[in-house]
N, C-alpha and C. Protein backbone atom coordinates (compact mmCIF):
# COMPACT_ATOMS: atom_id res chain seq x y z
N MET A 1 120.07 -78.59 224.48
CA MET A 1 118.84 -77.81 224.66
C MET A 1 117.97 -78.48 225.72
N LEU A 2 117.33 -77.67 226.53
CA LEU A 2 116.43 -78.17 227.56
C LEU A 2 115.06 -78.50 226.96
N LYS A 3 114.55 -79.67 227.32
CA LYS A 3 113.18 -80.02 226.99
C LYS A 3 112.48 -80.41 228.27
N VAL A 4 111.20 -80.04 228.39
CA VAL A 4 110.44 -80.28 229.61
C VAL A 4 109.14 -81.00 229.25
N LEU A 5 108.84 -82.05 230.01
CA LEU A 5 107.57 -82.75 229.90
C LEU A 5 106.84 -82.63 231.23
N LYS A 6 105.62 -82.12 231.18
CA LYS A 6 104.78 -82.03 232.37
C LYS A 6 103.88 -83.25 232.46
N LEU A 7 103.86 -83.88 233.65
CA LEU A 7 103.00 -85.02 233.90
C LEU A 7 102.16 -84.75 235.15
N PRO A 8 100.93 -84.24 235.00
CA PRO A 8 100.06 -84.11 236.17
C PRO A 8 99.72 -85.50 236.70
N VAL A 9 99.98 -85.73 237.99
CA VAL A 9 99.82 -87.08 238.54
C VAL A 9 98.82 -87.09 239.70
N GLU A 10 98.16 -88.20 239.83
CA GLU A 10 97.22 -88.43 240.93
C GLU A 10 97.99 -88.72 242.22
N PRO A 11 97.37 -88.48 243.40
CA PRO A 11 95.92 -88.26 243.58
C PRO A 11 95.48 -86.81 243.56
N LEU A 12 96.42 -85.83 243.56
CA LEU A 12 96.04 -84.43 243.70
C LEU A 12 96.44 -83.57 242.50
N GLU A 13 96.62 -84.21 241.34
CA GLU A 13 96.97 -83.47 240.13
C GLU A 13 98.21 -82.60 240.36
N SER A 14 99.19 -83.15 241.02
CA SER A 14 100.47 -82.45 241.19
C SER A 14 101.26 -82.56 239.90
N ASN A 15 101.97 -81.52 239.56
CA ASN A 15 102.76 -81.53 238.34
C ASN A 15 104.13 -82.13 238.61
N CYS A 16 104.36 -83.30 238.00
CA CYS A 16 105.70 -83.88 237.94
C CYS A 16 106.32 -83.45 236.62
N TYR A 17 107.62 -83.16 236.65
CA TYR A 17 108.31 -82.72 235.44
C TYR A 17 109.51 -83.61 235.14
N LEU A 18 109.65 -83.96 233.86
CA LEU A 18 110.91 -84.48 233.35
C LEU A 18 111.59 -83.35 232.62
N ALA A 19 112.85 -83.11 232.94
CA ALA A 19 113.63 -82.07 232.26
C ALA A 19 114.92 -82.72 231.78
N TRP A 20 115.23 -82.53 230.50
CA TRP A 20 116.42 -83.21 230.00
C TRP A 20 117.16 -82.40 228.94
N ASP A 21 118.44 -82.74 228.80
CA ASP A 21 119.32 -82.16 227.79
C ASP A 21 119.16 -83.01 226.54
N THR A 22 118.58 -82.43 225.50
CA THR A 22 118.30 -83.20 224.29
C THR A 22 119.56 -83.63 223.56
N ASP A 23 120.70 -83.01 223.84
CA ASP A 23 121.95 -83.39 223.18
C ASP A 23 122.47 -84.74 223.66
N VAL A 24 122.23 -85.06 224.95
CA VAL A 24 122.78 -86.31 225.51
C VAL A 24 121.72 -87.16 226.21
N ASN A 25 120.48 -86.64 226.28
CA ASN A 25 119.36 -87.36 226.91
C ASN A 25 119.58 -87.65 228.40
N GLU A 26 120.35 -86.80 229.08
CA GLU A 26 120.45 -86.90 230.52
C GLU A 26 119.36 -86.04 231.15
N ALA A 27 118.74 -86.55 232.23
CA ALA A 27 117.50 -85.95 232.73
C ALA A 27 117.46 -85.90 234.25
N VAL A 28 116.56 -85.03 234.74
CA VAL A 28 116.15 -85.04 236.14
C VAL A 28 114.64 -85.18 236.17
N VAL A 29 114.13 -85.73 237.26
CA VAL A 29 112.69 -85.74 237.50
C VAL A 29 112.43 -84.87 238.72
N ILE A 30 111.47 -83.98 238.59
CA ILE A 30 111.14 -83.02 239.63
C ILE A 30 109.75 -83.33 240.18
N ASP A 31 109.67 -83.56 241.48
CA ASP A 31 108.40 -83.77 242.18
C ASP A 31 107.57 -84.94 241.63
N PRO A 32 108.11 -86.16 241.71
CA PRO A 32 107.32 -87.32 241.30
C PRO A 32 106.28 -87.66 242.38
N GLY A 33 105.10 -87.07 242.27
CA GLY A 33 104.12 -87.13 243.34
C GLY A 33 103.16 -88.29 243.28
N GLY A 34 103.32 -89.19 242.32
CA GLY A 34 102.43 -90.33 242.19
C GLY A 34 102.58 -90.95 240.82
N GLU A 35 101.83 -92.03 240.58
CA GLU A 35 101.83 -92.71 239.27
C GLU A 35 103.25 -93.04 238.82
N ALA A 36 103.98 -93.73 239.67
CA ALA A 36 105.38 -94.05 239.37
C ALA A 36 105.54 -94.79 238.06
N ASP A 37 104.67 -95.75 237.78
CA ASP A 37 104.80 -96.53 236.56
C ASP A 37 104.66 -95.66 235.32
N ARG A 38 103.79 -94.67 235.38
CA ARG A 38 103.61 -93.76 234.25
C ARG A 38 104.86 -92.91 234.04
N ILE A 39 105.46 -92.45 235.14
CA ILE A 39 106.68 -91.65 235.04
C ILE A 39 107.82 -92.49 234.48
N ILE A 40 107.95 -93.72 234.99
CA ILE A 40 109.00 -94.62 234.50
C ILE A 40 108.82 -94.88 233.01
N ALA A 41 107.59 -95.09 232.58
CA ALA A 41 107.32 -95.33 231.16
C ALA A 41 107.72 -94.13 230.31
N ALA A 42 107.45 -92.92 230.82
CA ALA A 42 107.81 -91.72 230.07
C ALA A 42 109.33 -91.58 229.94
N ILE A 43 110.05 -91.93 231.00
CA ILE A 43 111.52 -91.87 230.96
C ILE A 43 112.07 -92.89 229.97
N ASP A 44 111.58 -94.12 230.08
CA ASP A 44 112.12 -95.20 229.24
C ASP A 44 111.74 -95.03 227.78
N ARG A 45 110.55 -94.52 227.53
CA ARG A 45 110.09 -94.33 226.15
C ARG A 45 111.01 -93.36 225.40
N ARG A 46 111.54 -92.38 226.13
CA ARG A 46 112.41 -91.38 225.51
C ARG A 46 113.89 -91.73 225.62
N LYS A 47 114.17 -92.92 226.20
CA LYS A 47 115.54 -93.41 226.36
C LYS A 47 116.41 -92.40 227.11
N LEU A 48 115.83 -91.86 228.20
CA LEU A 48 116.54 -90.88 229.01
C LEU A 48 117.38 -91.58 230.07
N THR A 49 118.52 -90.98 230.37
CA THR A 49 119.35 -91.42 231.49
C THR A 49 119.04 -90.51 232.67
N LEU A 50 118.37 -91.05 233.68
CA LEU A 50 118.00 -90.23 234.82
C LEU A 50 119.21 -90.01 235.72
N CYS A 51 119.42 -88.74 236.12
CA CYS A 51 120.56 -88.39 236.96
C CYS A 51 120.17 -88.08 238.40
N TYR A 52 119.01 -87.47 238.61
CA TYR A 52 118.59 -87.08 239.95
C TYR A 52 117.08 -87.14 240.08
N ILE A 53 116.61 -87.38 241.29
CA ILE A 53 115.23 -87.13 241.70
C ILE A 53 115.27 -85.89 242.58
N LEU A 54 114.53 -84.85 242.19
CA LEU A 54 114.55 -83.57 242.89
C LEU A 54 113.18 -83.28 243.48
N ASN A 55 113.14 -82.94 244.74
CA ASN A 55 111.88 -82.54 245.39
C ASN A 55 111.93 -81.06 245.73
N THR A 56 110.95 -80.28 245.21
CA THR A 56 110.89 -78.86 245.58
C THR A 56 110.52 -78.68 247.04
N HIS A 57 109.79 -79.66 247.59
CA HIS A 57 109.43 -79.65 249.01
C HIS A 57 108.96 -81.04 249.40
N GLY A 58 108.61 -81.23 250.66
CA GLY A 58 108.41 -82.56 251.16
C GLY A 58 106.99 -83.03 251.35
N HIS A 59 106.00 -82.34 250.81
CA HIS A 59 104.62 -82.79 250.99
C HIS A 59 104.35 -84.06 250.17
N GLY A 60 103.43 -84.88 250.69
CA GLY A 60 103.21 -86.20 250.13
C GLY A 60 102.85 -86.23 248.67
N ASP A 61 102.12 -85.21 248.20
CA ASP A 61 101.70 -85.20 246.80
C ASP A 61 102.82 -84.81 245.84
N HIS A 62 104.02 -84.59 246.38
CA HIS A 62 105.17 -84.29 245.52
C HIS A 62 106.30 -85.30 245.68
N ILE A 63 106.11 -86.28 246.58
CA ILE A 63 107.19 -87.24 246.86
C ILE A 63 106.75 -88.70 246.75
N ALA A 64 105.47 -88.96 246.44
CA ALA A 64 104.91 -90.31 246.59
C ALA A 64 105.59 -91.35 245.71
N ALA A 65 106.13 -90.94 244.56
CA ALA A 65 106.77 -91.91 243.66
C ALA A 65 108.29 -91.95 243.83
N ASN A 66 108.82 -91.25 244.82
CA ASN A 66 110.27 -91.25 245.04
C ASN A 66 110.82 -92.67 245.15
N GLY A 67 110.13 -93.49 245.97
CA GLY A 67 110.65 -94.82 246.27
C GLY A 67 110.77 -95.70 245.04
N LYS A 68 109.72 -95.76 244.23
CA LYS A 68 109.76 -96.62 243.04
C LYS A 68 110.78 -96.12 242.02
N LEU A 69 110.90 -94.80 241.89
CA LEU A 69 111.87 -94.27 240.94
C LEU A 69 113.29 -94.55 241.41
N LYS A 70 113.53 -94.40 242.70
CA LYS A 70 114.85 -94.67 243.22
C LYS A 70 115.21 -96.15 243.08
N ALA A 71 114.23 -97.02 243.33
CA ALA A 71 114.46 -98.46 243.16
C ALA A 71 114.74 -98.81 241.71
N GLU A 72 114.07 -98.13 240.79
CA GLU A 72 114.21 -98.42 239.36
C GLU A 72 115.55 -97.94 238.81
N TYR A 73 115.98 -96.73 239.23
CA TYR A 73 117.14 -96.11 238.59
C TYR A 73 118.35 -95.95 239.50
N GLY A 74 118.17 -96.05 240.81
CA GLY A 74 119.30 -95.98 241.73
C GLY A 74 120.02 -94.65 241.74
N VAL A 75 119.30 -93.56 241.49
CA VAL A 75 119.93 -92.24 241.40
C VAL A 75 119.73 -91.47 242.70
N PRO A 76 120.54 -90.42 242.95
CA PRO A 76 120.40 -89.65 244.19
C PRO A 76 119.06 -88.92 244.29
N LEU A 77 118.51 -88.92 245.48
CA LEU A 77 117.29 -88.20 245.83
C LEU A 77 117.71 -86.98 246.65
N LEU A 78 117.30 -85.79 246.19
CA LEU A 78 117.74 -84.55 246.83
C LEU A 78 116.54 -83.71 247.26
N ILE A 79 116.68 -83.09 248.44
CA ILE A 79 115.66 -82.21 249.00
C ILE A 79 116.36 -81.22 249.92
N HIS A 80 115.74 -80.10 250.22
CA HIS A 80 116.32 -79.17 251.19
C HIS A 80 116.32 -79.79 252.58
N GLN A 81 117.33 -79.49 253.35
CA GLN A 81 117.50 -80.10 254.67
C GLN A 81 116.29 -79.85 255.57
N ALA A 82 115.67 -78.67 255.47
CA ALA A 82 114.55 -78.34 256.36
C ALA A 82 113.32 -79.20 256.10
N ASP A 83 113.19 -79.72 254.88
CA ASP A 83 112.03 -80.57 254.55
C ASP A 83 112.36 -82.05 254.60
N ALA A 84 113.61 -82.40 254.82
CA ALA A 84 114.01 -83.80 254.79
C ALA A 84 113.22 -84.68 255.76
N PRO A 85 112.89 -84.21 256.98
CA PRO A 85 112.12 -85.08 257.88
C PRO A 85 110.76 -85.50 257.34
N MET A 86 110.21 -84.73 256.39
CA MET A 86 108.91 -85.06 255.83
C MET A 86 108.95 -86.34 255.00
N LEU A 87 110.10 -86.66 254.44
CA LEU A 87 110.18 -87.79 253.51
C LEU A 87 109.70 -89.09 254.14
N THR A 88 110.06 -89.33 255.37
CA THR A 88 109.79 -90.62 256.00
C THR A 88 108.66 -90.56 257.03
N ASP A 89 107.96 -89.44 257.12
CA ASP A 89 106.93 -89.27 258.14
C ASP A 89 105.61 -88.82 257.51
N PRO A 90 104.63 -89.73 257.37
CA PRO A 90 103.36 -89.36 256.74
C PRO A 90 102.59 -88.27 257.47
N ASP A 91 102.82 -88.11 258.76
CA ASP A 91 102.17 -87.01 259.48
C ASP A 91 102.78 -85.68 259.08
N LEU A 92 104.10 -85.62 259.01
CA LEU A 92 104.76 -84.38 258.63
C LEU A 92 104.51 -84.03 257.17
N ASN A 93 104.46 -85.03 256.29
CA ASN A 93 104.26 -84.70 254.87
C ASN A 93 102.79 -84.57 254.47
N MET A 94 101.91 -84.63 255.46
CA MET A 94 100.49 -84.34 255.31
C MET A 94 99.71 -85.40 254.53
N SER A 95 100.33 -86.53 254.22
CA SER A 95 99.61 -87.57 253.50
C SER A 95 98.73 -88.40 254.41
N ALA A 96 99.09 -88.50 255.68
CA ALA A 96 98.30 -89.31 256.62
C ALA A 96 96.89 -88.77 256.77
N VAL A 97 96.74 -87.45 256.77
CA VAL A 97 95.42 -86.86 256.97
C VAL A 97 94.49 -87.14 255.80
N LEU A 98 95.05 -87.48 254.64
CA LEU A 98 94.24 -87.82 253.47
C LEU A 98 93.91 -89.30 253.43
N GLY A 99 94.42 -90.06 254.39
CA GLY A 99 94.20 -91.49 254.39
C GLY A 99 95.03 -92.23 253.36
N LEU A 100 96.04 -91.56 252.81
CA LEU A 100 96.93 -92.15 251.81
C LEU A 100 98.38 -91.95 252.25
N PRO A 101 98.79 -92.60 253.34
CA PRO A 101 100.11 -92.32 253.90
C PRO A 101 101.25 -92.61 252.93
N VAL A 102 102.14 -91.65 252.82
CA VAL A 102 103.28 -91.73 251.90
C VAL A 102 104.57 -91.79 252.71
N THR A 103 105.40 -92.75 252.37
CA THR A 103 106.74 -92.82 252.95
C THR A 103 107.73 -92.91 251.81
N SER A 104 108.69 -92.01 251.80
CA SER A 104 109.74 -91.96 250.79
C SER A 104 111.05 -92.47 251.39
N PRO A 105 111.96 -92.94 250.56
CA PRO A 105 113.31 -93.17 251.07
C PRO A 105 113.91 -91.87 251.59
N GLU A 106 114.89 -92.00 252.46
CA GLU A 106 115.61 -90.81 252.92
C GLU A 106 116.40 -90.19 251.78
N GLN A 107 116.75 -88.93 251.96
CA GLN A 107 117.52 -88.21 250.96
C GLN A 107 118.95 -88.75 250.88
N ASP A 108 119.54 -88.57 249.70
CA ASP A 108 120.96 -88.89 249.51
C ASP A 108 121.84 -87.65 249.62
N GLY A 109 121.22 -86.50 249.59
CA GLY A 109 121.94 -85.25 249.70
C GLY A 109 120.96 -84.11 249.82
N PHE A 110 121.48 -82.93 250.08
CA PHE A 110 120.63 -81.76 250.30
C PHE A 110 120.75 -80.75 249.17
N LEU A 111 119.63 -80.10 248.87
CA LEU A 111 119.61 -78.99 247.92
C LEU A 111 119.97 -77.72 248.67
N ILE A 112 121.02 -77.08 248.24
CA ILE A 112 121.53 -75.89 248.92
C ILE A 112 121.34 -74.68 248.02
N PRO A 113 120.50 -73.70 248.42
CA PRO A 113 120.28 -72.53 247.59
C PRO A 113 121.59 -71.86 247.19
N GLY A 114 121.64 -71.46 245.94
CA GLY A 114 122.85 -70.86 245.39
C GLY A 114 123.72 -71.85 244.64
N GLU A 115 123.57 -73.13 244.94
CA GLU A 115 124.30 -74.16 244.20
C GLU A 115 123.47 -74.59 242.99
N LYS A 116 124.05 -75.46 242.16
CA LYS A 116 123.38 -75.89 240.94
C LYS A 116 123.33 -77.41 240.85
N VAL A 117 122.29 -77.88 240.17
CA VAL A 117 122.17 -79.29 239.82
C VAL A 117 122.47 -79.40 238.33
N THR A 118 123.44 -80.26 237.97
CA THR A 118 123.89 -80.36 236.59
C THR A 118 123.52 -81.72 236.01
N PHE A 119 123.03 -81.71 234.77
CA PHE A 119 122.74 -82.94 234.03
C PHE A 119 123.03 -82.65 232.57
N GLY A 120 123.78 -83.55 231.92
CA GLY A 120 124.24 -83.25 230.58
C GLY A 120 125.06 -81.98 230.59
N GLY A 121 124.81 -81.10 229.63
CA GLY A 121 125.49 -79.82 229.60
C GLY A 121 124.70 -78.69 230.22
N LEU A 122 123.62 -79.03 230.94
CA LEU A 122 122.72 -78.03 231.51
C LEU A 122 122.83 -78.00 233.01
N SER A 123 122.38 -76.91 233.60
CA SER A 123 122.33 -76.83 235.06
C SER A 123 121.13 -75.99 235.48
N LEU A 124 120.60 -76.32 236.65
CA LEU A 124 119.50 -75.58 237.27
C LEU A 124 119.98 -75.04 238.59
N GLU A 125 119.82 -73.73 238.79
CA GLU A 125 120.18 -73.12 240.06
C GLU A 125 119.10 -73.38 241.10
N ILE A 126 119.52 -73.69 242.31
CA ILE A 126 118.61 -73.91 243.42
C ILE A 126 118.29 -72.56 244.07
N ILE A 127 117.02 -72.22 244.12
CA ILE A 127 116.57 -70.94 244.67
C ILE A 127 115.71 -71.20 245.91
N ALA A 128 115.99 -70.50 246.99
CA ALA A 128 115.20 -70.64 248.21
C ALA A 128 113.83 -69.98 248.04
N THR A 129 112.76 -70.77 248.22
CA THR A 129 111.40 -70.22 248.18
C THR A 129 110.58 -70.84 249.32
N PRO A 130 111.02 -70.64 250.57
CA PRO A 130 110.28 -71.19 251.71
C PRO A 130 109.00 -70.40 251.98
N GLY A 131 108.15 -71.01 252.78
CA GLY A 131 106.90 -70.36 253.18
C GLY A 131 105.75 -71.33 253.08
N HIS A 132 105.61 -72.00 251.95
CA HIS A 132 104.64 -73.10 251.85
C HIS A 132 105.09 -74.25 252.74
N SER A 133 106.39 -74.44 252.76
CA SER A 133 107.04 -75.37 253.68
C SER A 133 108.38 -74.74 254.07
N PRO A 134 108.99 -75.19 255.15
CA PRO A 134 110.23 -74.54 255.60
C PRO A 134 111.38 -74.64 254.61
N GLY A 135 111.42 -75.74 253.86
CA GLY A 135 112.54 -75.95 252.95
C GLY A 135 112.17 -75.89 251.49
N GLY A 136 111.14 -75.16 251.16
CA GLY A 136 110.74 -75.06 249.76
C GLY A 136 111.83 -74.43 248.90
N VAL A 137 112.06 -75.02 247.72
CA VAL A 137 113.02 -74.48 246.77
C VAL A 137 112.40 -74.47 245.38
N SER A 138 113.00 -73.66 244.51
CA SER A 138 112.66 -73.66 243.09
C SER A 138 113.94 -73.93 242.31
N PHE A 139 113.79 -74.29 241.03
CA PHE A 139 114.93 -74.59 240.18
C PHE A 139 114.88 -73.70 238.95
N TYR A 140 115.96 -72.95 238.70
CA TYR A 140 115.98 -71.97 237.61
C TYR A 140 117.12 -72.20 236.65
N GLY A 141 116.81 -72.14 235.37
CA GLY A 141 117.84 -72.19 234.35
C GLY A 141 117.23 -72.35 232.97
N GLU A 142 117.98 -71.99 231.96
CA GLU A 142 117.57 -72.17 230.57
C GLU A 142 116.23 -71.50 230.27
N GLY A 143 115.97 -70.37 230.95
CA GLY A 143 114.77 -69.60 230.67
C GLY A 143 113.50 -70.10 231.35
N VAL A 144 113.64 -71.05 232.27
CA VAL A 144 112.46 -71.58 232.96
C VAL A 144 112.74 -71.66 234.46
N VAL A 145 111.67 -71.68 235.25
CA VAL A 145 111.79 -71.92 236.68
C VAL A 145 110.70 -72.90 237.11
N PHE A 146 111.11 -73.92 237.83
CA PHE A 146 110.20 -74.88 238.42
C PHE A 146 109.93 -74.40 239.84
N SER A 147 108.71 -73.91 240.09
CA SER A 147 108.43 -73.15 241.31
C SER A 147 107.78 -73.97 242.41
N GLY A 148 107.59 -75.28 242.21
CA GLY A 148 106.96 -76.08 243.25
C GLY A 148 105.62 -75.49 243.66
N ASP A 149 105.36 -75.48 244.96
CA ASP A 149 104.10 -74.91 245.46
C ASP A 149 104.31 -73.50 246.02
N ALA A 150 105.31 -72.79 245.51
CA ALA A 150 105.50 -71.40 245.92
C ALA A 150 104.63 -70.47 245.07
N LEU A 151 104.81 -70.52 243.75
CA LEU A 151 104.16 -69.57 242.85
C LEU A 151 103.34 -70.33 241.82
N PHE A 152 102.07 -69.91 241.68
CA PHE A 152 101.16 -70.48 240.70
C PHE A 152 100.65 -69.40 239.75
N PHE A 153 99.94 -69.83 238.71
CA PHE A 153 99.26 -68.90 237.84
C PHE A 153 98.19 -68.15 238.64
N GLY A 154 98.41 -66.87 238.87
CA GLY A 154 97.45 -66.03 239.57
C GLY A 154 97.31 -66.33 241.05
N SER A 155 98.23 -67.08 241.62
CA SER A 155 98.08 -67.44 243.02
C SER A 155 99.44 -67.78 243.62
N ILE A 156 99.42 -68.16 244.90
CA ILE A 156 100.62 -68.60 245.60
C ILE A 156 100.26 -69.84 246.41
N GLY A 157 101.27 -70.49 246.99
CA GLY A 157 101.04 -71.70 247.76
C GLY A 157 100.27 -71.45 249.05
N ARG A 158 99.64 -72.51 249.53
CA ARG A 158 98.94 -72.43 250.81
C ARG A 158 99.94 -72.20 251.93
N CYS A 159 99.50 -71.40 252.89
CA CYS A 159 100.34 -71.11 254.06
C CYS A 159 99.66 -71.50 255.36
N ASP A 160 98.49 -72.13 255.27
CA ASP A 160 97.74 -72.49 256.47
C ASP A 160 98.01 -73.91 256.93
N LEU A 161 98.95 -74.58 256.28
CA LEU A 161 99.35 -75.92 256.70
C LEU A 161 100.38 -75.81 257.82
N PRO A 162 100.57 -76.87 258.58
CA PRO A 162 101.60 -76.82 259.62
C PRO A 162 102.95 -76.42 259.04
N SER A 163 103.63 -75.54 259.72
CA SER A 163 104.95 -74.99 259.33
C SER A 163 104.87 -74.03 258.15
N GLY A 164 103.66 -73.67 257.69
CA GLY A 164 103.54 -72.66 256.66
C GLY A 164 103.73 -71.26 257.23
N ASP A 165 104.19 -70.34 256.38
CA ASP A 165 104.46 -68.97 256.81
C ASP A 165 104.18 -68.05 255.63
N GLY A 166 103.03 -67.37 255.68
CA GLY A 166 102.60 -66.54 254.56
C GLY A 166 103.51 -65.37 254.27
N GLU A 167 103.95 -64.67 255.30
CA GLU A 167 104.84 -63.53 255.09
C GLU A 167 106.16 -63.98 254.48
N LEU A 168 106.68 -65.10 254.96
CA LEU A 168 107.93 -65.62 254.42
C LEU A 168 107.78 -66.02 252.96
N LEU A 169 106.65 -66.66 252.63
CA LEU A 169 106.42 -67.07 251.25
C LEU A 169 106.38 -65.88 250.31
N ILE A 170 105.61 -64.86 250.67
CA ILE A 170 105.50 -63.69 249.79
C ILE A 170 106.85 -63.00 249.64
N SER A 171 107.59 -62.87 250.72
CA SER A 171 108.89 -62.20 250.61
C SER A 171 109.86 -63.04 249.78
N SER A 172 109.82 -64.35 249.91
CA SER A 172 110.74 -65.17 249.12
C SER A 172 110.39 -65.14 247.63
N ILE A 173 109.08 -65.11 247.33
CA ILE A 173 108.67 -64.98 245.92
C ILE A 173 109.13 -63.65 245.35
N LYS A 174 108.86 -62.56 246.09
CA LYS A 174 109.22 -61.24 245.57
C LYS A 174 110.72 -61.06 245.42
N GLU A 175 111.48 -61.58 246.37
CA GLU A 175 112.92 -61.37 246.36
C GLU A 175 113.67 -62.35 245.46
N ASN A 176 113.15 -63.56 245.34
CA ASN A 176 113.93 -64.60 244.67
C ASN A 176 113.34 -65.10 243.36
N LEU A 177 112.04 -64.86 243.12
CA LEU A 177 111.44 -65.27 241.85
C LEU A 177 111.08 -64.10 240.96
N LEU A 178 110.43 -63.09 241.51
CA LEU A 178 110.01 -61.96 240.67
C LEU A 178 111.18 -61.13 240.18
N THR A 179 112.36 -61.37 240.70
CA THR A 179 113.56 -60.69 240.22
C THR A 179 114.18 -61.41 239.01
N LEU A 180 113.63 -62.56 238.62
CA LEU A 180 114.09 -63.24 237.42
C LEU A 180 113.58 -62.49 236.18
N PRO A 181 114.17 -62.73 235.01
CA PRO A 181 113.68 -62.07 233.79
C PRO A 181 112.19 -62.30 233.58
N GLU A 182 111.49 -61.29 233.12
CA GLU A 182 110.04 -61.37 233.02
C GLU A 182 109.57 -62.43 232.02
N ASP A 183 110.41 -62.78 231.04
CA ASP A 183 109.99 -63.80 230.08
C ASP A 183 110.29 -65.22 230.55
N THR A 184 110.75 -65.36 231.78
CA THR A 184 111.01 -66.69 232.33
C THR A 184 109.70 -67.48 232.42
N GLN A 185 109.70 -68.68 231.85
CA GLN A 185 108.54 -69.56 231.93
C GLN A 185 108.47 -70.19 233.32
N VAL A 186 107.30 -70.16 233.93
CA VAL A 186 107.10 -70.72 235.27
C VAL A 186 106.36 -72.05 235.14
N PHE A 187 106.98 -73.11 235.63
CA PHE A 187 106.36 -74.42 235.68
C PHE A 187 106.01 -74.71 237.15
N PRO A 188 104.74 -74.55 237.54
CA PRO A 188 104.36 -74.66 238.95
C PRO A 188 104.05 -76.09 239.37
N GLY A 189 103.87 -76.28 240.68
CA GLY A 189 103.59 -77.59 241.23
C GLY A 189 102.17 -78.07 240.98
N HIS A 190 101.27 -77.17 240.63
CA HIS A 190 99.90 -77.50 240.27
C HIS A 190 99.44 -76.50 239.21
N GLY A 191 98.55 -76.93 238.35
CA GLY A 191 97.92 -76.00 237.43
C GLY A 191 98.76 -75.64 236.22
N GLN A 192 98.32 -74.57 235.54
CA GLN A 192 98.89 -74.20 234.26
C GLN A 192 100.16 -73.38 234.41
N ASN A 193 100.94 -73.36 233.33
CA ASN A 193 102.18 -72.59 233.29
C ASN A 193 101.86 -71.10 233.24
N THR A 194 102.87 -70.31 233.56
CA THR A 194 102.73 -68.86 233.48
C THR A 194 104.10 -68.27 233.21
N THR A 195 104.25 -66.97 233.39
CA THR A 195 105.55 -66.33 233.25
C THR A 195 105.79 -65.43 234.46
N ILE A 196 107.05 -65.13 234.69
CA ILE A 196 107.38 -64.22 235.79
C ILE A 196 106.73 -62.86 235.55
N GLY A 197 106.76 -62.37 234.32
CA GLY A 197 106.15 -61.08 234.02
C GLY A 197 104.67 -61.04 234.32
N MET A 198 103.97 -62.10 233.95
CA MET A 198 102.54 -62.17 234.21
C MET A 198 102.27 -62.10 235.71
N GLU A 199 103.01 -62.87 236.49
CA GLU A 199 102.76 -62.89 237.93
C GLU A 199 103.22 -61.61 238.61
N LYS A 200 104.28 -61.04 238.11
CA LYS A 200 104.77 -59.79 238.67
C LYS A 200 103.78 -58.66 238.49
N ASN A 201 103.08 -58.68 237.38
CA ASN A 201 102.18 -57.57 237.05
C ASN A 201 100.73 -57.82 237.39
N CYS A 202 100.32 -59.10 237.51
CA CYS A 202 98.89 -59.40 237.62
C CYS A 202 98.49 -60.26 238.80
N ASN A 203 99.43 -60.91 239.46
CA ASN A 203 99.06 -61.81 240.54
C ASN A 203 98.52 -60.99 241.73
N PRO A 204 97.25 -61.21 242.11
CA PRO A 204 96.65 -60.36 243.16
C PRO A 204 97.31 -60.52 244.53
N PHE A 205 98.04 -61.60 244.76
CA PHE A 205 98.72 -61.81 246.03
C PHE A 205 100.05 -61.07 246.09
N LEU A 206 100.51 -60.55 244.94
CA LEU A 206 101.86 -60.02 244.86
C LEU A 206 101.93 -58.56 244.41
N VAL A 207 100.84 -58.03 243.87
CA VAL A 207 100.88 -56.66 243.37
C VAL A 207 100.50 -55.67 244.47
């Protein structure tokens, strides 16, 4: 069975998620954007075996703890190829402009839409959701979707950042997320959870 723990992390209250198979305690961490020691403590407290570090996109507030987690657990770090250059460049990942430059280790592999990430007996499908960034992805499976900074409760990701594309974001959400079952739980990159049905019917950016 899938279990999910949300950890809003500083400096920008980005949602980091631990997702694991309760039958074998194998886990992935999604968007470790800061507070590495707190994330490590949450993993170790639950005696989880971490299998992957997954980034929905390459902005600094979603990758800042990549380095410490990779050093601690030695597991593969995965991101979409289009966002990979952001990992090692604080200007590209937008952290330099905040005065908090973030540098992550390079990726160990790429997230390819249509493929799956497997841990324990569970798997998450990689879904293309570009627009907030060129290589934005979401992860879907077991009745939930981790939407990164594509889809939020009552809102969508910013498109006014460098390499953002508002039309592309809206089309990717409508074609690749709103087509999921309406009872799918949405775990976004910031803010509160929602459902696909709620956003399909009520999100002012999408109706």
